[in-house]
């Protein structure tokens, strides 16, 4: 379960950052 939570957390972080600075995520 921890692995799933970690993946969801990281995915949420990436999505959150992409909304503010897409260039930083895709750079």
C-alpha atoms as a PDB file:
ATOM      1  CA  UNK A   1       0.000   0.000   0.000  1.00  0.00           C
ATOM      2  CA  UNK A   2       2.833   2.376   0.777  1.00  0.00           C
ATOM      3  CA  UNK A   3       4.155   2.093  -2.763  1.00  0.00           C
ATOM      4  CA  UNK A   4       0.739   3.014  -4.203  1.00  0.00           C
ATOM      5  CA  UNK A   5       0.428   6.006  -1.884  1.00  0.00           C
ATOM      6  CA  UNK A   6       3.924   7.165  -2.840  1.00  0.00           C
ATOM      7  CA  UNK A   7       3.114   6.927  -6.555  1.00  0.00           C
ATOM      8  CA  UNK A   8      -0.126   8.871  -6.105  1.00  0.00           C
ATOM      9  CA  UNK A   9       1.682  11.499  -4.021  1.00  0.00           C
ATOM     10  CA  UNK A  10       4.411  11.963  -6.623  1.00  0.00           C
ATOM     11  CA  UNK A  11       1.830  12.082  -9.423  1.00  0.00           C
ATOM     12  CA  UNK A  12      -0.087  14.767  -7.509  1.00  0.00           C
ATOM     13  CA  UNK A  13       3.101  16.759  -7.008  1.00  0.00           C
ATOM     14  CA  UNK A  14       3.964  16.625 -10.717  1.00  0.00           C
ATOM     15  CA  UNK A  15       0.427  17.620 -11.695  1.00  0.00           C
ATOM     16  CA  UNK A  16       0.446  20.477  -9.186  1.00  0.00           C
ATOM     17  CA  UNK A  17       3.784  21.809 -10.424  1.00  0.00           C
ATOM     18  CA  UNK A  18       2.761  21.448 -14.083  1.00  0.00           C
ATOM     19  CA  UNK A  19      -0.190  23.762 -13.427  1.00  0.00           C
ATOM     20  CA  UNK A  20       2.138  26.535 -12.204  1.00  0.00           C
ATOM     21  CA  UNK A  21       5.335  25.967 -14.203  1.00  0.00           C
ATOM     22  CA  UNK A  22       4.899  23.468 -17.080  1.00  0.00           C
ATOM     23  CA  UNK A  23       8.308  24.420 -18.506  1.00  0.00           C
ATOM     24  CA  UNK A  24      10.044  23.253 -15.319  1.00  0.00           C
ATOM     25  CA  UNK A  25       8.345  19.843 -15.419  1.00  0.00           C
ATOM     26  CA  UNK A  26       8.924  19.206 -19.119  1.00  0.00           C
ATOM     27  CA  UNK A  27      12.385  20.776 -19.182  1.00  0.00           C
END
